[in-house]
Amino acid sequence: MIYQVVLALVVVAVTLADPGHGGHGHGHGYHHEPLPYYYDYGVYDDYKGTNFKQHEKSDGKAVYGSYTVDLPDGRKQHVDYTADHYKGYVAKVSYYGKAKHPKYYGHPVTFFHKGYGHHH
């Protein structure tokens, strides 16, 4: 879910930075210049185990960013990405740490389906 949100933000940022969406041929009478920007975003909730941070910047022509998220299995996922009008969205994904799985699982649960039939 978080990954999808980040992708949507990058697509919006690239669309807004596109000089072709300015006033040329659209009847607006003005031109939107691509604007550089920078932002940081982070969430840390020790109680729920949520740890997420993102950095992103744009020079008006391309978007550069990275984000790190704690995965449920104990690893960290780190993504460095760029997006522009020539190469599109390009991501380099890396993982840190070792996945941890519980040694003991609860008792297996069996579900029975009681069919409905005619009794004679």
PDB file of N, CA and C in Angstrom:
ATOM      1  N   MET A   1       0.816  -1.189   0.000  1.00  0.00           N
ATOM      2  CA  MET A   1       0.000   0.000   0.000  1.00  0.00           C
ATOM      3  C   MET A   1       0.861   1.255   0.000  1.00  0.00           C
ATOM      4  N   ILE A   2       1.875   1.282   0.868  1.00  0.00           N
ATOM      5  CA  ILE A   2       2.747   2.447   0.920  1.00  0.00           C
ATOM      6  C   ILE A   2       3.456   2.619  -0.410  1.00  0.00           C
ATOM      7  N   TYR A   3       3.900   1.537  -1.017  1.00  0.00           N
ATOM      8  CA  TYR A   3       4.594   1.596  -2.292  1.00  0.00           C
ATOM      9  C   TYR A   3       3.701   2.220  -3.360  1.00  0.00           C
ATOM     10  N   GLN A   4       2.427   1.876  -3.365  1.00  0.00           N
ATOM     11  CA  GLN A   4       1.497   2.431  -4.343  1.00  0.00           C
ATOM     12  C   GLN A   4       1.338   3.928  -4.142  1.00  0.00           C
ATOM     13  N   VAL A   5       1.290   4.379  -2.899  1.00  0.00           N
ATOM     14  CA  VAL A   5       1.154   5.810  -2.623  1.00  0.00           C
ATOM     15  C   VAL A   5       2.368   6.559  -3.141  1.00  0.00           C
ATOM     16  N   VAL A   6       3.564   6.018  -2.907  1.00  0.00           N
ATOM     17  CA  VAL A   6       4.782   6.667  -3.381  1.00  0.00           C
ATOM     18  C   VAL A   6       4.787   6.751  -4.903  1.00  0.00           C
ATOM     19  N   LEU A   7       4.392   5.677  -5.575  1.00  0.00           N
ATOM     20  CA  LEU A   7       4.330   5.713  -7.035  1.00  0.00           C
ATOM     21  C   LEU A   7       3.377   6.809  -7.504  1.00  0.00           C
ATOM     22  N   ALA A   8       2.257   6.942  -6.859  1.00  0.00           N
ATOM     23  CA  ALA A   8       1.289   7.963  -7.251  1.00  0.00           C
ATOM     24  C   ALA A   8       1.874   9.353  -7.058  1.00  0.00           C
ATOM     25  N   LEU A   9       2.612   9.583  -5.970  1.00  0.00           N
ATOM     26  CA  LEU A   9       3.225  10.881  -5.740  1.00  0.00           C
ATOM     27  C   LEU A   9       4.249  11.206  -6.820  1.00  0.00           C
ATOM     28  N   VAL A  10       5.035  10.218  -7.220  1.00  0.00           N
ATOM     29  CA  VAL A  10       6.043  10.448  -8.246  1.00  0.00           C
ATOM     30  C   VAL A  10       5.382  10.770  -9.579  1.00  0.00           C
ATOM     31  N   VAL A  11       4.348  10.051  -9.929  1.00  0.00           N
ATOM     32  CA  VAL A  11       3.645  10.306 -11.193  1.00  0.00           C
ATOM     33  C   VAL A  11       3.068  11.712 -11.202  1.00  0.00           C
ATOM     34  N   VAL A  12       2.470  12.127 -10.094  1.00  0.00           N
ATOM     35  CA  VAL A  12       1.912  13.482 -10.007  1.00  0.00           C
ATOM     36  C   VAL A  12       3.026  14.512 -10.136  1.00  0.00           C
ATOM     37  N   ALA A  13       4.149  14.280  -9.445  1.00  0.00           N
ATOM     38  CA  ALA A  13       5.263  15.224  -9.501  1.00  0.00           C
ATOM     39  C   ALA A  13       5.805  15.355 -10.914  1.00  0.00           C
ATOM     40  N   VAL A  14       5.945  14.250 -11.622  1.00  0.00           N
ATOM     41  CA  VAL A  14       6.454  14.296 -12.987  1.00  0.00           C
ATOM     42  C   VAL A  14       5.458  14.986 -13.906  1.00  0.00           C
ATOM     43  N   THR A  15       4.181  14.722 -13.717  1.00  0.00           N
ATOM     44  CA  THR A  15       3.158  15.358 -14.537  1.00  0.00           C
ATOM     45  C   THR A  15       3.160  16.867 -14.329  1.00  0.00           C
ATOM     46  N   LEU A  16       3.280  17.298 -13.078  1.00  0.00           N
ATOM     47  CA  LEU A  16       3.286  18.729 -12.795  1.00  0.00           C
ATOM     48  C   LEU A  16       4.555  19.398 -13.322  1.00  0.00           C
ATOM     49  N   ALA A  17       5.638  18.649 -13.379  1.00  0.00           N
ATOM     50  CA  ALA A  17       6.895  19.212 -13.845  1.00  0.00           C
ATOM     51  C   ALA A  17       6.999  19.236 -15.367  1.00  0.00           C
ATOM     52  N   ASP A  18       6.034  18.678 -16.066  1.00  0.00           N
ATOM     53  CA  ASP A  18       6.063  18.581 -17.517  1.00  0.00           C
ATOM     54  C   ASP A  18       5.780  19.939 -18.143  1.00  0.00           C
ATOM     55  N   PRO A  19       6.742  20.539 -18.836  1.00  0.00           N
ATOM     56  CA  PRO A  19       6.492  21.831 -19.461  1.00  0.00           C
ATOM     57  C   PRO A  19       5.451  21.750 -20.574  1.00  0.00           C
ATOM     58  N   GLY A  20       5.179  20.571 -21.097  1.00  0.00           N
ATOM     59  CA  GLY A  20       4.180  20.421 -22.155  1.00  0.00           C
ATOM     60  C   GLY A  20       2.759  20.627 -21.667  1.00  0.00           C
ATOM     61  N   HIS A  21       2.543  20.599 -20.343  1.00  0.00           N
ATOM     62  CA  HIS A  21       1.202  20.811 -19.818  1.00  0.00           C
ATOM     63  C   HIS A  21       0.930  22.282 -19.548  1.00  0.00           C
ATOM     64  N   GLY A  22       1.784  23.144 -20.012  1.00  0.00           N
ATOM     65  CA  GLY A  22       1.602  24.579 -19.792  1.00  0.00           C
ATOM     66  C   GLY A  22       0.511  25.134 -20.682  1.00  0.00           C
ATOM     67  N   GLY A  23       0.620  26.419 -21.016  1.00  0.00           N
ATOM     68  CA  GLY A  23      -0.435  27.077 -21.759  1.00  0.00           C
ATOM     69  C   GLY A  23      -0.383  26.884 -23.254  1.00  0.00           C
ATOM     70  N   HIS A  24       0.567  26.138 -23.780  1.00  0.00           N
ATOM     71  CA  HIS A  24       0.687  25.986 -25.231  1.00  0.00           C
ATOM     72  C   HIS A  24      -0.464  25.166 -25.785  1.00  0.00           C
ATOM     73  N   GLY A  25      -1.313  25.812 -26.581  1.00  0.00           N
ATOM     74  CA  GLY A  25      -2.376  25.107 -27.266  1.00  0.00           C
ATOM     75  C   GLY A  25      -3.543  24.734 -26.376  1.00  0.00           C
ATOM     76  N   HIS A  26      -3.520  25.154 -25.108  1.00  0.00           N
ATOM     77  CA  HIS A  26      -4.620  24.817 -24.225  1.00  0.00           C
ATOM     78  C   HIS A  26      -5.548  25.998 -23.966  1.00  0.00           C
ATOM     79  N   GLY A  27      -5.208  27.160 -24.522  1.00  0.00           N
ATOM     80  CA  GLY A  27      -6.094  28.304 -24.385  1.00  0.00           C
ATOM     81  C   GLY A  27      -6.000  28.989 -23.031  1.00  0.00           C
ATOM     82  N   HIS A  28      -5.003  28.676 -22.213  1.00  0.00           N
ATOM     83  CA  HIS A  28      -4.904  29.314 -20.906  1.00  0.00           C
ATOM     84  C   HIS A  28      -4.192  30.661 -20.990  1.00  0.00           C
ATOM     85  N   GLY A  29      -3.334  30.842 -21.964  1.00  0.00           N
ATOM     86  CA  GLY A  29      -2.656  32.115 -22.118  1.00  0.00           C
ATOM     87  C   GLY A  29      -1.443  32.268 -21.210  1.00  0.00           C
ATOM     88  N   TYR A  30      -1.051  31.265 -20.474  1.00  0.00           N
ATOM     89  CA  TYR A  30       0.146  31.357 -19.638  1.00  0.00           C
ATOM     90  C   TYR A  30       0.866  30.016 -19.653  1.00  0.00           C
ATOM     91  N   HIS A  31       2.119  30.043 -19.242  1.00  0.00           N
ATOM     92  CA  HIS A  31       2.957  28.847 -19.293  1.00  0.00           C
ATOM     93  C   HIS A  31       3.427  28.511 -17.878  1.00  0.00           C
ATOM     94  N   HIS A  32       3.261  27.241 -17.468  1.00  0.00           N
ATOM     95  CA  HIS A  32       3.744  26.786 -16.169  1.00  0.00           C
ATOM     96  C   HIS A  32       5.179  26.344 -16.309  1.00  0.00           C
ATOM     97  N   GLU A  33       6.078  26.991 -15.626  1.00  0.00           N
ATOM     98  CA  GLU A  33       7.461  26.561 -15.618  1.00  0.00           C
ATOM     99  C   GLU A  33       7.618  25.453 -14.584  1.00  0.00           C
ATOM    100  N   PRO A  34       8.441  24.446 -14.864  1.00  0.00           N
ATOM    101  CA  PRO A  34       8.708  23.420 -13.860  1.00  0.00           C
ATOM    102  C   PRO A  34       9.374  24.049 -12.640  1.00  0.00           C
ATOM    103  N   LEU A  35       8.895  23.697 -11.481  1.00  0.00           N
ATOM    104  CA  LEU A  35       9.423  24.285 -10.255  1.00  0.00           C
ATOM    105  C   LEU A  35      10.214  23.261  -9.463  1.00  0.00           C
ATOM    106  N   PRO A  36      11.430  23.595  -9.060  1.00  0.00           N
ATOM    107  CA  PRO A  36      12.179  22.700  -8.186  1.00  0.00           C
ATOM    108  C   PRO A  36      11.502  22.606  -6.822  1.00  0.00           C
ATOM    109  N   TYR A  37      11.641  21.477  -6.155  1.00  0.00           N
ATOM    110  CA  TYR A  37      11.102  21.316  -4.806  1.00  0.00           C
ATOM    111  C   TYR A  37      11.897  20.272  -4.055  1.00  0.00           C
ATOM    112  N   TYR A  38      11.691  20.219  -2.743  1.00  0.00           N
ATOM    113  CA  TYR A  38      12.335  19.241  -1.886  1.00  0.00           C
ATOM    114  C   TYR A  38      11.404  18.964  -0.716  1.00  0.00           C
ATOM    115  N   TYR A  39      11.274  17.717  -0.325  1.00  0.00           N
ATOM    116  CA  TYR A  39      10.530  17.421   0.897  1.00  0.00           C
ATOM    117  C   TYR A  39      11.040  16.169   1.577  1.00  0.00           C
ATOM    118  N   ASP A  40      10.801  16.128   2.872  1.00  0.00           N
ATOM    119  CA  ASP A  40      11.112  14.985   3.729  1.00  0.00           C
ATOM    120  C   ASP A  40       9.826  14.557   4.403  1.00  0.00           C
ATOM    121  N   TYR A  41       9.670  13.253   4.610  1.00  0.00           N
ATOM    122  CA  TYR A  41       8.471  12.733   5.260  1.00  0.00           C
ATOM    123  C   TYR A  41       8.891  11.541   6.089  1.00  0.00           C
ATOM    124  N   GLY A  42       8.368  11.425   7.302  1.00  0.00           N
ATOM    125  CA  GLY A  42       8.726  10.278   8.124  1.00  0.00           C
ATOM    126  C   GLY A  42       7.646   9.940   9.118  1.00  0.00           C
ATOM    127  N   VAL A  43       7.509   8.656   9.404  1.00  0.00           N
ATOM    128  CA  VAL A  43       6.578   8.171  10.415  1.00  0.00           C
ATOM    129  C   VAL A  43       7.334   7.159  11.269  1.00  0.00           C
ATOM    130  N   TYR A  44       7.312   7.350  12.579  1.00  0.00           N
ATOM    131  CA  TYR A  44       7.912   6.363  13.472  1.00  0.00           C
ATOM    132  C   TYR A  44       6.938   6.135  14.617  1.00  0.00           C
ATOM    133  N   ASP A  45       6.443   4.923  14.726  1.00  0.00           N
ATOM    134  CA  ASP A  45       5.510   4.539  15.779  1.00  0.00           C
ATOM    135  C   ASP A  45       6.034   3.256  16.405  1.00  0.00           C
ATOM    136  N   ASP A  46       6.751   3.397  17.514  1.00  0.00           N
ATOM    137  CA  ASP A  46       7.367   2.241  18.160  1.00  0.00           C
ATOM    138  C   ASP A  46       6.317   1.258  18.662  1.00  0.00           C
ATOM    139  N   TYR A  47       5.164   1.768  19.070  1.00  0.00           N
ATOM    140  CA  TYR A  47       4.112   0.908  19.610  1.00  0.00           C
ATOM    141  C   TYR A  47       3.595  -0.073  18.547  1.00  0.00           C
ATOM    142  N   LYS A  48       3.333   0.428  17.347  1.00  0.00           N
ATOM    143  CA  LYS A  48       2.815  -0.423  16.275  1.00  0.00           C
ATOM    144  C   LYS A  48       3.918  -0.970  15.376  1.00  0.00           C
ATOM    145  N   GLY A  49       5.144  -0.506  15.570  1.00  0.00           N
ATOM    146  CA  GLY A  49       6.256  -1.003  14.763  1.00  0.00           C
ATOM    147  C   GLY A  49       6.330  -0.385  13.381  1.00  0.00           C
ATOM    148  N   THR A  50       5.734   0.777  13.202  1.00  0.00           N
ATOM    149  CA  THR A  50       5.749   1.451  11.905  1.00  0.00           C
ATOM    150  C   THR A  50       6.960   2.377  11.824  1.00  0.00           C
ATOM    151  N   ASN A  51       7.765   2.199  10.796  1.00  0.00           N
ATOM    152  CA  ASN A  51       8.923   3.056  10.589  1.00  0.00           C
ATOM    153  C   ASN A  51       9.068   3.274   9.091  1.00  0.00           C
ATOM    154  N   PHE A  52       8.828   4.497   8.654  1.00  0.00           N
ATOM    155  CA  PHE A  52       8.842   4.818   7.238  1.00  0.00           C
ATOM    156  C   PHE A  52       9.402   6.219   7.066  1.00  0.00           C
ATOM    157  N   LYS A  53      10.300   6.394   6.106  1.00  0.00           N
ATOM    158  CA  LYS A  53      10.784   7.737   5.812  1.00  0.00           C
ATOM    159  C   LYS A  53      11.024   7.873   4.322  1.00  0.00           C
ATOM    160  N   GLN A  54      10.846   9.086   3.833  1.00  0.00           N
ATOM    161  CA  GLN A  54      11.016   9.356   2.409  1.00  0.00           C
ATOM    162  C   GLN A  54      11.631  10.732   2.225  1.00  0.00           C
ATOM    163  N   HIS A  55      12.506  10.830   1.240  1.00  0.00           N
ATOM    164  CA  HIS A  55      13.107  12.094   0.830  1.00  0.00           C
ATOM    165  C   HIS A  55      12.902  12.200  -0.675  1.00  0.00           C
ATOM    166  N   GLU A  56      12.553  13.386  -1.135  1.00  0.00           N
ATOM    167  CA  GLU A  56      12.377  13.564  -2.575  1.00  0.00           C
ATOM    168  C   GLU A  56      12.711  14.990  -2.944  1.00  0.00           C
ATOM    169  N   LYS A  57      13.297  15.156  -4.138  1.00  0.00           N
ATOM    170  CA  LYS A  57      13.589  16.494  -4.649  1.00  0.00           C
ATOM    171  C   LYS A  57      13.451  16.477  -6.164  1.00  0.00           C
ATOM    172  N   SER A  58      13.282  17.649  -6.718  1.00  0.00           N
ATOM    173  CA  SER A  58      13.204  17.783  -8.165  1.00  0.00           C
ATOM    174  C   SER A  58      13.937  19.048  -8.574  1.00  0.00           C
ATOM    175  N   ASP A  59      14.626  18.971  -9.691  1.00  0.00           N
ATOM    176  CA  ASP A  59      15.275  20.160 -10.240  1.00  0.00           C
ATOM    177  C   ASP A  59      14.382  20.826 -11.288  1.00  0.00           C
ATOM    178  N   GLY A  60      13.151  20.369 -11.404  1.00  0.00           N
ATOM    179  CA  GLY A  60      12.229  20.900 -12.400  1.00  0.00           C
ATOM    180  C   GLY A  60      12.191  20.055 -13.663  1.00  0.00           C
ATOM    181  N   LYS A  61      13.182  19.189 -13.850  1.00  0.00           N
ATOM    182  CA  LYS A  61      13.230  18.324 -15.030  1.00  0.00           C
ATOM    183  C   LYS A  61      13.091  16.853 -14.663  1.00  0.00           C
ATOM    184  N   ALA A  62      13.602  16.489 -13.490  1.00  0.00           N
ATOM    185  CA  ALA A  62      13.542  15.091 -13.047  1.00  0.00           C
ATOM    186  C   ALA A  62      13.269  15.058 -11.544  1.00  0.00           C
ATOM    187  N   VAL A  63      12.791  13.916 -11.093  1.00  0.00           N
ATOM    188  CA  VAL A  63      12.515  13.694  -9.673  1.00  0.00           C
ATOM    189  C   VAL A  63      13.523  12.679  -9.162  1.00  0.00           C
ATOM    190  N   TYR A  64      14.097  12.971  -7.994  1.00  0.00           N
ATOM    191  CA  TYR A  64      15.067  12.079  -7.355  1.00  0.00           C
ATOM    192  C   TYR A  64      14.587  11.822  -5.934  1.00  0.00           C
ATOM    193  N   GLY A  65      14.616  10.573  -5.510  1.00  0.00           N
ATOM    194  CA  GLY A  65      14.163  10.323  -4.149  1.00  0.00           C
ATOM    195  C   GLY A  65      14.572   8.969  -3.637  1.00  0.00           C
ATOM    196  N   SER A  66      14.234   8.761  -2.371  1.00  0.00           N
ATOM    197  CA  SER A  66      14.472   7.476  -1.737  1.00  0.00           C
ATOM    198  C   SER A  66      13.483   7.311  -0.599  1.00  0.00           C
ATOM    199  N   TYR A  67      13.200   6.063  -0.279  1.00  0.00           N
ATOM    200  CA  TYR A  67      12.403   5.787   0.908  1.00  0.00           C
ATOM    201  C   TYR A  67      12.856   4.491   1.531  1.00  0.00           C
ATOM    202  N   THR A  68      12.638   4.391   2.831  1.00  0.00           N
ATOM    203  CA  THR A  68      12.997   3.214   3.606  1.00  0.00           C
ATOM    204  C   THR A  68      11.801   2.835   4.450  1.00  0.00           C
ATOM    205  N   VAL A  69      11.516   1.541   4.503  1.00  0.00           N
ATOM    206  CA  VAL A  69      10.382   1.064   5.292  1.00  0.00           C
ATOM    207  C   VAL A  69      10.783  -0.221   6.004  1.00  0.00           C
ATOM    208  N   ASP A  70      10.335  -0.365   7.264  1.00  0.00           N
ATOM    209  CA  ASP A  70      10.548  -1.602   8.010  1.00  0.00           C
ATOM    210  C   ASP A  70       9.525  -2.628   7.544  1.00  0.00           C
ATOM    211  N   LEU A  71       9.980  -3.800   7.150  1.00  0.00           N
ATOM    212  CA  LEU A  71       9.088  -4.866   6.699  1.00  0.00           C
ATOM    213  C   LEU A  71       8.632  -5.711   7.886  1.00  0.00           C
ATOM    214  N   PRO A  72       7.495  -6.373   7.773  1.00  0.00           N
ATOM    215  CA  PRO A  72       6.975  -7.188   8.879  1.00  0.00           C
ATOM    216  C   PRO A  72       7.913  -8.320   9.310  1.00  0.00           C
ATOM    217  N   ASP A  73       8.789  -8.790   8.411  1.00  0.00           N
ATOM    218  CA  ASP A  73       9.676  -9.893   8.775  1.00  0.00           C
ATOM    219  C   ASP A  73      10.973  -9.429   9.435  1.00  0.00           C
ATOM    220  N   GLY A  74      11.090  -8.139   9.730  1.00  0.00           N
ATOM    221  CA  GLY A  74      12.260  -7.627  10.427  1.00  0.00           C
ATOM    222  C   GLY A  74      13.303  -6.974   9.537  1.00  0.00           C
ATOM    223  N   ARG A  75      13.189  -7.120   8.220  1.00  0.00           N
ATOM    224  CA  ARG A  75      14.143  -6.488   7.312  1.00  0.00           C
ATOM    225  C   ARG A  75      13.748  -5.041   7.038  1.00  0.00           C
ATOM    226  N   LYS A  76      14.689  -4.286   6.492  1.00  0.00           N
ATOM    227  CA  LYS A  76      14.409  -2.936   6.004  1.00  0.00           C
ATOM    228  C   LYS A  76      14.491  -2.968   4.477  1.00  0.00           C
ATOM    229  N   GLN A  77      13.542  -2.327   3.842  1.00  0.00           N
ATOM    230  CA  GLN A  77      13.569  -2.188   2.385  1.00  0.00           C
ATOM    231  C   GLN A  77      13.934  -0.743   2.081  1.00  0.00           C
ATOM    232  N   HIS A  78      14.934  -0.561   1.211  1.00  0.00           N
ATOM    233  CA  HIS A  78      15.351   0.784   0.814  1.00  0.00           C
ATOM    234  C   HIS A  78      15.223   0.899  -0.706  1.00  0.00           C
ATOM    235  N   VAL A  79      14.611   1.978  -1.158  1.00  0.00           N
ATOM    236  CA  VAL A  79      14.414   2.204  -2.590  1.00  0.00           C
ATOM    237  C   VAL A  79      14.961   3.579  -2.952  1.00  0.00           C
ATOM    238  N   ASP A  80      15.871   3.616  -3.911  1.00  0.00           N
ATOM    239  CA  ASP A  80      16.328   4.865  -4.525  1.00  0.00           C
ATOM    240  C   ASP A  80      15.661   4.934  -5.896  1.00  0.00           C
ATOM    241  N   TYR A  81      15.087   6.083  -6.233  1.00  0.00           N
ATOM    242  CA  TYR A  81      14.381   6.175  -7.513  1.00  0.00           C
ATOM    243  C   TYR A  81      14.622   7.508  -8.195  1.00  0.00           C
ATOM    244  N   THR A  82      14.445   7.478  -9.506  1.00  0.00           N
ATOM    245  CA  THR A  82      14.436   8.685 -10.326  1.00  0.00           C
ATOM    246  C   THR A  82      13.258   8.570 -11.278  1.00  0.00           C
ATOM    247  N   ALA A  83      12.777   9.694 -11.717  1.00  0.00           N
ATOM    248  CA  ALA A  83      11.687   9.705 -12.700  1.00  0.00           C
ATOM    249  C   ALA A  83      11.850  10.942 -13.580  1.00  0.00           C
ATOM    250  N   ASP A  84      11.772  10.727 -14.880  1.00  0.00           N
ATOM    251  CA  ASP A  84      11.789  11.840 -15.817  1.00  0.00           C
ATOM    252  C   ASP A  84      10.998  11.443 -17.065  1.00  0.00           C
ATOM    253  N   HIS A  85      10.985  12.337 -18.045  1.00  0.00           N
ATOM    254  CA  HIS A  85      10.179  12.092 -19.248  1.00  0.00           C
ATOM    255  C   HIS A  85      10.893  11.235 -20.284  1.00  0.00           C
ATOM    256  N   TYR A  86      12.138  10.857 -20.024  1.00  0.00           N
ATOM    257  CA  TYR A  86      12.881  10.044 -20.979  1.00  0.00           C
ATOM    258  C   TYR A  86      12.952   8.588 -20.551  1.00  0.00           C
ATOM    259  N   LYS A  87      13.317   8.350 -19.292  1.00  0.00           N
ATOM    260  CA  LYS A  87      13.466   6.983 -18.797  1.00  0.00           C
ATOM    261  C   LYS A  87      12.265   6.517 -17.986  1.00  0.00           C
ATOM    262  N   GLY A  88      11.361   7.412 -17.624  1.00  0.00           N
ATOM    263  CA  GLY A  88      10.216   7.054 -16.792  1.00  0.00           C
ATOM    264  C   GLY A  88      10.648   6.874 -15.346  1.00  0.00           C
ATOM    265  N   TYR A  89       9.990   5.971 -14.642  1.00  0.00           N
ATOM    266  CA  TYR A  89      10.283   5.695 -13.233  1.00  0.00           C
ATOM    267  C   TYR A  89      11.297   4.560 -13.158  1.00  0.00           C
ATOM    268  N   VAL A  90      12.452   4.816 -12.552  1.00  0.00           N
ATOM    269  CA  VAL A  90      13.508   3.811 -12.417  1.00  0.00           C
ATOM    270  C   VAL A  90      13.831   3.673 -10.935  1.00  0.00           C
ATOM    271  N   ALA A  91      13.724   2.443 -10.412  1.00  0.00           N
ATOM    272  CA  ALA A  91      13.956   2.217  -8.987  1.00  0.00           C
ATOM    273  C   ALA A  91      15.051   1.181  -8.770  1.00  0.00           C
ATOM    274  N   LYS A  92      15.853   1.419  -7.742  1.00  0.00           N
ATOM    275  CA  LYS A  92      16.848   0.449  -7.290  1.00  0.00           C
ATOM    276  C   LYS A  92      16.430   0.035  -5.881  1.00  0.00           C
ATOM    277  N   VAL A  93      16.101  -1.252  -5.710  1.00  0.00           N
ATOM    278  CA  VAL A  93      15.565  -1.750  -4.443  1.00  0.00           C
ATOM    279  C   VAL A  93      16.620  -2.602  -3.747  1.00  0.00           C
ATOM    280  N   SER A  94      16.801  -2.369  -2.448  1.00  0.00           N
ATOM    281  CA  SER A  94      17.734  -3.182  -1.668  1.00  0.00           C
ATOM    282  C   SER A  94      17.104  -3.521  -0.318  1.00  0.00           C
ATOM    283  N   TYR A  95      17.583  -4.599   0.279  1.00  0.00           N
ATOM    284  CA  TYR A  95      17.069  -5.080   1.559  1.00  0.00           C
ATOM    285  C   TYR A  95      18.219  -5.215   2.539  1.00  0.00           C
ATOM    286  N   TYR A  96      17.949  -4.893   3.803  1.00  0.00           N
ATOM    287  CA  TYR A  96      18.944  -4.991   4.855  1.00  0.00           C
ATOM    288  C   TYR A  96      18.401  -5.832   5.994  1.00  0.00           C
ATOM    289  N   GLY A  97      19.282  -6.557   6.645  1.00  0.00           N
ATOM    290  CA  GLY A  97      18.866  -7.387   7.765  1.00  0.00           C
ATOM    291  C   GLY A  97      18.495  -8.780   7.307  1.00  0.00           C
ATOM    292  N   LYS A  98      18.106  -9.597   8.272  1.00  0.00           N
ATOM    293  CA  LYS A  98      17.735 -10.973   7.997  1.00  0.00           C
ATOM    294  C   LYS A  98      16.281 -11.187   8.373  1.00  0.00           C
ATOM    295  N   ALA A  99      15.552 -11.870   7.510  1.00  0.00           N
ATOM    296  CA  ALA A  99      14.134 -12.137   7.784  1.00  0.00           C
ATOM    297  C   ALA A  99      14.025 -13.052   8.994  1.00  0.00           C
ATOM    298  N   LYS A 100      13.114 -12.714   9.883  1.00  0.00           N
ATOM    299  CA  LYS A 100      12.881 -13.521  11.087  1.00  0.00           C
ATOM    300  C   LYS A 100      11.468 -14.062  11.037  1.00  0.00           C
ATOM    301  N   HIS A 101      11.365 -15.352  11.248  1.00  0.00           N
ATOM    302  CA  HIS A 101      10.064 -16.003  11.262  1.00  0.00           C
ATOM    303  C   HIS A 101       9.894 -16.690  12.604  1.00  0.00           C
ATOM    304  N   PRO A 102       8.687 -16.751  13.127  1.00  0.00           N
ATOM    305  CA  PRO A 102       8.488 -17.397  14.429  1.00  0.00           C
ATOM    306  C   PRO A 102       8.853 -18.878  14.383  1.00  0.00           C
ATOM    307  N   LYS A 103       9.456 -19.357  15.481  1.00  0.00           N
ATOM    308  CA  LYS A 103       9.827 -20.774  15.553  1.00  0.00           C
ATOM    309  C   LYS A 103       8.622 -21.646  15.828  1.00  0.00           C
ATOM    310  N   TYR A 104       7.664 -21.097  16.514  1.00  0.00           N
ATOM    311  CA  TYR A 104       6.484 -21.879  16.879  1.00  0.00           C
ATOM    312  C   TYR A 104       5.234 -21.181  16.363  1.00  0.00           C
ATOM    313  N   TYR A 105       4.394 -21.953  15.806  1.00  0.00           N
ATOM    314  CA  TYR A 105       3.121 -21.440  15.319  1.00  0.00           C
ATOM    315  C   TYR A 105       2.020 -22.014  16.194  1.00  0.00           C
ATOM    316  N   GLY A 106       0.889 -21.367  16.216  1.00  0.00           N
ATOM    317  CA  GLY A 106      -0.244 -21.865  16.998  1.00  0.00           C
ATOM    318  C   GLY A 106      -0.775 -23.167  16.436  1.00  0.00           C
ATOM    319  N   HIS A 107      -1.699 -23.751  17.166  1.00  0.00           N
ATOM    320  CA  HIS A 107      -2.317 -24.994  16.724  1.00  0.00           C
ATOM    321  C   HIS A 107      -3.047 -24.774  15.408  1.00  0.00           C
ATOM    322  N   PRO A 108      -2.998 -25.763  14.523  1.00  0.00           N
ATOM    323  CA  PRO A 108      -3.723 -25.612  13.267  1.00  0.00           C
ATOM    324  C   PRO A 108      -5.224 -25.548  13.513  1.00  0.00           C
ATOM    325  N   VAL A 109      -5.879 -24.760  12.713  1.00  0.00           N
ATOM    326  CA  VAL A 109      -7.328 -24.605  12.837  1.00  0.00           C
ATOM    327  C   VAL A 109      -7.973 -25.259  11.624  1.00  0.00           C
ATOM    328  N   THR A 110      -8.936 -26.114  11.874  1.00  0.00           N
ATOM    329  CA  THR A 110      -9.642 -26.790  10.793  1.00  0.00           C
ATOM    330  C   THR A 110     -11.069 -26.273  10.745  1.00  0.00           C
ATOM    331  N   PHE A 111     -11.503 -25.922   9.578  1.00  0.00           N
ATOM    332  CA  PHE A 111     -12.866 -25.430   9.405  1.00  0.00           C
ATOM    333  C   PHE A 111     -13.692 -26.518   8.728  1.00  0.00           C
ATOM    334  N   PHE A 112     -14.844 -26.795   9.297  1.00  0.00           N
ATOM    335  CA  PHE A 112     -15.758 -27.779   8.723  1.00  0.00           C
ATOM    336  C   PHE A 112     -16.942 -27.071   8.121  1.00  0.00           C
ATOM    337  N   HIS A 113     -17.347 -27.539   6.972  1.00  0.00           N
ATOM    338  CA  HIS A 113     -18.542 -26.979   6.338  1.00  0.00           C
ATOM    339  C   HIS A 113     -19.657 -28.018   6.491  1.00  0.00           C
ATOM    340  N   LYS A 114     -20.698 -27.595   7.150  1.00  0.00           N
ATOM    341  CA  LYS A 114     -21.832 -28.505   7.345  1.00  0.00           C
ATOM    342  C   LYS A 114     -22.800 -28.278   6.191  1.00  0.00           C
ATOM    343  N   GLY A 115     -22.909 -29.274   5.355  1.00  0.00           N
ATOM    344  CA  GLY A 115     -23.773 -29.159   4.185  1.00  0.00           C
ATOM    345  C   GLY A 115     -25.258 -29.219   4.548  1.00  0.00           C
ATOM    346  N   TYR A 116     -26.034 -28.663   3.698  1.00  0.00           N
ATOM    347  CA  TYR A 116     -27.485 -28.693   3.886  1.00  0.00           C
ATOM    348  C   TYR A 116     -28.064 -29.742   2.943  1.00  0.00           C
ATOM    349  N   GLY A 117     -28.793 -30.687   3.478  1.00  0.00           N
ATOM    350  CA  GLY A 117     -29.347 -31.747   2.648  1.00  0.00           C
ATOM    351  C   GLY A 117     -30.733 -32.125   3.149  1.00  0.00           C
ATOM    352  N   HIS A 118     -31.364 -33.021   2.445  1.00  0.00           N
ATOM    353  CA  HIS A 118     -32.692 -33.486   2.837  1.00  0.00           C
ATOM    354  C   HIS A 118     -32.544 -34.700   3.736  1.00  0.00           C
ATOM    355  N   HIS A 119     -33.261 -34.700   4.838  1.00  0.00           N
ATOM    356  CA  HIS A 119     -33.269 -35.836   5.740  1.00  0.00           C
ATOM    357  C   HIS A 119     -34.519 -36.640   5.485  1.00  0.00           C
ATOM    358  N   HIS A 120     -34.411 -37.921   5.332  1.00  0.00           N
ATOM    359  CA  HIS A 120     -35.573 -38.767   5.040  1.00  0.00           C
ATOM    360  C   HIS A 120     -36.081 -39.386   6.296  1.00  0.00           C
TER     361      HIS A 120
END
